[in-house]
């Protein structure tokens, strides 16, 4: 199974572009901050996660600072790269 659900803040967004097949594609960086339990102790967790949205959801109006709950899967950025990218399949805004 390869499913990731995470709450994060949009840190940066690249301009919308299109795949060779004509699908809209949006690349963004997500910042996650939380406190987790590990080995019975609290641990502050922070990470910057590259993400991509392909398809109709890529045209949703997103901006820096938006807080989201996203669900998707992890994959290599490309066949020649070992960098992991979150492919977002579902997203919803988190209201403050």
N, C-alpha and C. Protein backbone atom coordinates (compact mmCIF):
# COMPACT_ATOMS: atom_id res chain seq x y z
N UNK A 1 0.85 -1.18 0.00
CA UNK A 1 0.00 0.00 0.00
C UNK A 1 0.89 1.24 0.00
N UNK A 2 0.50 2.25 -0.74
CA UNK A 2 1.25 3.49 -0.85
C UNK A 2 0.25 4.64 -0.80
N UNK A 3 -0.14 5.03 0.42
CA UNK A 3 -1.09 6.12 0.61
C UNK A 3 -0.56 7.02 1.72
N UNK A 4 -0.58 8.31 1.46
CA UNK A 4 -0.15 9.29 2.45
C UNK A 4 -1.26 10.32 2.62
N UNK A 5 -1.63 10.58 3.88
CA UNK A 5 -2.57 11.65 4.21
C UNK A 5 -1.82 12.59 5.14
N UNK A 6 -1.80 13.87 4.79
CA UNK A 6 -1.02 14.82 5.59
C UNK A 6 -1.66 16.20 5.54
N UNK A 7 -1.55 16.92 6.64
CA UNK A 7 -1.99 18.32 6.68
C UNK A 7 -0.74 19.16 6.47
N UNK A 8 -0.85 20.16 5.62
CA UNK A 8 0.32 20.97 5.30
C UNK A 8 -0.11 22.34 4.79
N UNK A 9 0.88 23.24 4.74
CA UNK A 9 0.69 24.59 4.24
C UNK A 9 1.41 24.73 2.91
N UNK A 10 0.77 25.36 1.95
CA UNK A 10 1.40 25.59 0.64
C UNK A 10 2.52 26.62 0.83
N UNK A 11 3.75 26.22 0.50
CA UNK A 11 4.91 27.11 0.63
C UNK A 11 5.22 27.81 -0.69
N UNK A 12 5.11 27.09 -1.78
CA UNK A 12 5.37 27.69 -3.09
C UNK A 12 4.61 26.91 -4.15
N UNK A 13 4.31 27.62 -5.23
CA UNK A 13 3.57 27.03 -6.34
C UNK A 13 4.25 27.46 -7.64
N UNK A 14 4.49 26.50 -8.52
CA UNK A 14 5.02 26.81 -9.83
C UNK A 14 3.86 27.15 -10.76
N UNK A 15 4.14 27.84 -11.84
CA UNK A 15 3.06 28.13 -12.80
C UNK A 15 2.44 26.85 -13.36
N UNK A 16 1.14 26.90 -13.62
CA UNK A 16 0.43 25.77 -14.21
C UNK A 16 1.02 25.47 -15.57
N UNK A 17 1.23 24.19 -15.84
CA UNK A 17 1.68 23.78 -17.17
C UNK A 17 0.88 22.56 -17.58
N UNK A 18 1.19 22.01 -18.74
CA UNK A 18 0.41 20.89 -19.26
C UNK A 18 1.35 19.75 -19.66
N UNK A 19 0.91 18.52 -19.43
CA UNK A 19 1.67 17.34 -19.81
C UNK A 19 1.60 17.19 -21.34
N UNK A 20 2.47 16.35 -21.91
CA UNK A 20 2.37 16.10 -23.35
C UNK A 20 0.99 15.57 -23.77
N UNK A 21 0.29 14.94 -22.85
CA UNK A 21 -1.06 14.43 -23.14
C UNK A 21 -2.13 15.51 -22.99
N UNK A 22 -1.72 16.72 -22.60
CA UNK A 22 -2.66 17.83 -22.48
C UNK A 22 -3.32 17.97 -21.12
N UNK A 23 -2.86 17.22 -20.12
CA UNK A 23 -3.43 17.32 -18.77
C UNK A 23 -2.78 18.46 -18.00
N UNK A 24 -3.57 19.25 -17.25
CA UNK A 24 -2.98 20.29 -16.42
C UNK A 24 -2.12 19.68 -15.32
N UNK A 25 -0.98 20.32 -15.02
CA UNK A 25 -0.04 19.82 -14.03
C UNK A 25 0.43 20.99 -13.17
N UNK A 26 0.34 20.83 -11.87
CA UNK A 26 0.75 21.87 -10.94
C UNK A 26 1.75 21.29 -9.94
N UNK A 27 2.93 21.88 -9.87
CA UNK A 27 3.94 21.48 -8.88
C UNK A 27 3.92 22.48 -7.73
N UNK A 28 4.02 21.97 -6.50
CA UNK A 28 4.03 22.83 -5.33
C UNK A 28 4.90 22.22 -4.24
N UNK A 29 5.25 23.04 -3.28
CA UNK A 29 5.98 22.60 -2.09
C UNK A 29 5.03 22.74 -0.91
N UNK A 30 4.95 21.69 -0.09
CA UNK A 30 4.11 21.69 1.10
C UNK A 30 4.98 21.67 2.34
N UNK A 31 4.63 22.47 3.33
CA UNK A 31 5.34 22.51 4.62
C UNK A 31 4.45 21.87 5.67
N UNK A 32 4.97 20.83 6.32
CA UNK A 32 4.22 20.16 7.39
C UNK A 32 4.90 20.43 8.72
N UNK A 33 4.12 20.79 9.73
CA UNK A 33 4.60 21.00 11.10
C UNK A 33 3.61 20.34 12.05
N UNK A 34 4.12 19.48 12.92
CA UNK A 34 3.24 18.85 13.91
C UNK A 34 4.07 18.34 15.07
N UNK A 35 3.36 17.80 16.06
CA UNK A 35 4.02 17.14 17.18
C UNK A 35 3.50 15.71 17.21
N UNK A 36 4.41 14.75 17.23
CA UNK A 36 4.06 13.34 17.17
C UNK A 36 4.62 12.61 18.39
N UNK A 37 4.01 11.49 18.71
CA UNK A 37 4.49 10.62 19.77
C UNK A 37 5.43 9.57 19.17
N UNK A 38 6.62 9.44 19.74
CA UNK A 38 7.55 8.41 19.29
C UNK A 38 8.29 7.87 20.51
N UNK A 39 8.22 6.57 20.69
CA UNK A 39 8.87 5.91 21.82
C UNK A 39 8.46 6.56 23.14
N UNK A 40 7.17 6.92 23.24
CA UNK A 40 6.65 7.48 24.48
C UNK A 40 7.01 8.93 24.72
N UNK A 41 7.62 9.58 23.75
CA UNK A 41 8.02 10.98 23.92
C UNK A 41 7.44 11.83 22.79
N UNK A 42 7.24 13.12 23.10
CA UNK A 42 6.78 14.05 22.08
C UNK A 42 7.95 14.43 21.19
N UNK A 43 7.67 14.53 19.90
CA UNK A 43 8.70 14.91 18.94
C UNK A 43 8.11 15.94 17.98
N UNK A 44 8.80 17.07 17.82
CA UNK A 44 8.37 18.08 16.86
C UNK A 44 8.81 17.62 15.48
N UNK A 45 7.86 17.63 14.54
CA UNK A 45 8.12 17.15 13.18
C UNK A 45 7.92 18.31 12.21
N UNK A 46 8.90 18.52 11.36
CA UNK A 46 8.81 19.53 10.30
C UNK A 46 9.40 18.93 9.04
N UNK A 47 8.75 19.15 7.91
CA UNK A 47 9.31 18.70 6.64
C UNK A 47 8.74 19.52 5.50
N UNK A 48 9.55 19.65 4.46
CA UNK A 48 9.14 20.28 3.22
C UNK A 48 8.99 19.17 2.20
N UNK A 49 7.81 19.07 1.61
CA UNK A 49 7.49 17.95 0.75
C UNK A 49 7.11 18.44 -0.65
N UNK A 50 7.88 18.04 -1.67
CA UNK A 50 7.46 18.39 -3.03
C UNK A 50 6.23 17.59 -3.41
N UNK A 51 5.32 18.24 -4.13
CA UNK A 51 4.07 17.59 -4.50
C UNK A 51 3.68 18.00 -5.91
N UNK A 52 2.80 17.20 -6.51
CA UNK A 52 2.29 17.48 -7.85
C UNK A 52 0.82 17.11 -7.90
N UNK A 53 0.06 17.92 -8.64
CA UNK A 53 -1.35 17.62 -8.90
C UNK A 53 -1.49 17.54 -10.42
N UNK A 54 -2.04 16.43 -10.90
CA UNK A 54 -2.25 16.26 -12.33
C UNK A 54 -3.74 16.05 -12.59
N UNK A 55 -4.28 16.76 -13.55
CA UNK A 55 -5.70 16.63 -13.88
C UNK A 55 -6.47 17.87 -13.47
N UNK A 56 -7.79 17.75 -13.42
CA UNK A 56 -8.67 18.89 -13.17
C UNK A 56 -8.38 19.61 -11.86
N UNK A 57 -7.95 18.87 -10.83
CA UNK A 57 -7.68 19.51 -9.53
C UNK A 57 -6.51 20.48 -9.61
N UNK A 58 -5.66 20.33 -10.63
CA UNK A 58 -4.51 21.22 -10.79
C UNK A 58 -4.94 22.65 -11.11
N UNK A 59 -6.18 22.82 -11.55
CA UNK A 59 -6.66 24.16 -11.91
C UNK A 59 -7.39 24.85 -10.76
N UNK A 60 -7.48 24.19 -9.61
CA UNK A 60 -8.12 24.82 -8.45
C UNK A 60 -7.30 26.04 -8.02
N UNK A 61 -7.95 27.10 -7.55
CA UNK A 61 -7.21 28.29 -7.15
C UNK A 61 -6.50 28.09 -5.81
N UNK A 62 -5.21 27.81 -5.86
CA UNK A 62 -4.39 27.65 -4.65
C UNK A 62 -3.41 28.80 -4.57
N UNK A 63 -3.03 29.15 -3.35
CA UNK A 63 -2.03 30.20 -3.18
C UNK A 63 -1.16 29.89 -1.97
N UNK A 64 -0.01 30.55 -1.92
CA UNK A 64 0.90 30.37 -0.79
C UNK A 64 0.16 30.67 0.51
N UNK A 65 0.40 29.84 1.51
CA UNK A 65 -0.24 30.02 2.81
C UNK A 65 -1.51 29.22 2.99
N UNK A 66 -2.08 28.69 1.91
CA UNK A 66 -3.27 27.86 2.05
C UNK A 66 -2.94 26.63 2.88
N UNK A 67 -3.83 26.32 3.82
CA UNK A 67 -3.67 25.12 4.63
C UNK A 67 -4.56 24.03 4.05
N UNK A 68 -3.95 22.87 3.80
CA UNK A 68 -4.64 21.79 3.12
C UNK A 68 -4.51 20.48 3.87
N UNK A 69 -5.47 19.61 3.67
CA UNK A 69 -5.36 18.19 4.01
C UNK A 69 -5.34 17.49 2.67
N UNK A 70 -4.25 16.75 2.41
CA UNK A 70 -4.11 16.10 1.11
C UNK A 70 -3.94 14.60 1.28
N UNK A 71 -4.36 13.87 0.25
CA UNK A 71 -4.21 12.42 0.22
C UNK A 71 -3.67 12.07 -1.15
N UNK A 72 -2.69 11.17 -1.17
CA UNK A 72 -2.11 10.75 -2.43
C UNK A 72 -1.12 9.63 -2.24
N UNK A 73 -0.20 9.51 -3.19
CA UNK A 73 0.81 8.46 -3.13
C UNK A 73 2.18 9.04 -3.41
N UNK A 74 3.20 8.33 -2.96
CA UNK A 74 4.58 8.75 -3.17
C UNK A 74 5.18 8.04 -4.37
N UNK A 75 5.97 8.77 -5.15
CA UNK A 75 6.63 8.19 -6.32
C UNK A 75 7.92 8.96 -6.57
N UNK A 76 8.83 8.35 -7.32
CA UNK A 76 10.05 9.04 -7.73
C UNK A 76 9.68 10.17 -8.66
N UNK A 77 10.45 11.25 -8.61
CA UNK A 77 10.20 12.41 -9.47
C UNK A 77 10.28 12.03 -10.94
N UNK A 78 11.24 11.17 -11.29
CA UNK A 78 11.39 10.69 -12.67
C UNK A 78 12.19 9.39 -12.62
N UNK A 79 12.35 8.76 -13.77
CA UNK A 79 13.10 7.51 -13.83
C UNK A 79 14.56 7.71 -13.46
N UNK A 80 15.07 8.93 -13.64
CA UNK A 80 16.49 9.22 -13.37
C UNK A 80 16.72 9.87 -12.01
N UNK A 81 15.66 10.06 -11.23
CA UNK A 81 15.77 10.75 -9.95
C UNK A 81 15.27 9.86 -8.82
N UNK A 82 15.92 9.94 -7.68
CA UNK A 82 15.45 9.20 -6.51
C UNK A 82 14.65 10.11 -5.56
N UNK A 83 14.48 11.39 -5.91
CA UNK A 83 13.70 12.30 -5.09
C UNK A 83 12.25 11.84 -5.05
N UNK A 84 11.67 11.84 -3.87
CA UNK A 84 10.28 11.43 -3.68
C UNK A 84 9.35 12.63 -3.84
N UNK A 85 8.23 12.42 -4.55
CA UNK A 85 7.23 13.46 -4.76
C UNK A 85 5.87 12.89 -4.37
N UNK A 86 5.07 13.70 -3.69
CA UNK A 86 3.71 13.33 -3.35
C UNK A 86 2.79 13.67 -4.52
N UNK A 87 2.13 12.67 -5.07
CA UNK A 87 1.13 12.88 -6.13
C UNK A 87 -0.22 13.01 -5.45
N UNK A 88 -0.75 14.22 -5.43
CA UNK A 88 -2.00 14.51 -4.72
C UNK A 88 -3.20 14.05 -5.56
N UNK A 89 -4.04 13.23 -4.92
CA UNK A 89 -5.27 12.75 -5.58
C UNK A 89 -6.52 13.40 -5.00
N UNK A 90 -6.46 13.76 -3.72
CA UNK A 90 -7.59 14.42 -3.05
C UNK A 90 -7.03 15.56 -2.21
N UNK A 91 -7.76 16.66 -2.15
CA UNK A 91 -7.34 17.75 -1.29
C UNK A 91 -8.54 18.52 -0.79
N UNK A 92 -8.39 19.06 0.41
CA UNK A 92 -9.42 19.93 0.97
C UNK A 92 -8.74 21.02 1.78
N UNK A 93 -9.34 22.18 1.76
CA UNK A 93 -8.81 23.29 2.55
C UNK A 93 -9.14 23.06 4.02
N UNK A 94 -8.22 23.45 4.87
CA UNK A 94 -8.43 23.40 6.33
C UNK A 94 -8.76 24.82 6.77
N UNK A 95 -9.89 24.97 7.40
CA UNK A 95 -10.29 26.31 7.91
C UNK A 95 -9.63 26.55 9.25
N UNK A 96 -9.11 27.76 9.43
CA UNK A 96 -8.45 28.13 10.70
C UNK A 96 -9.45 28.36 11.79
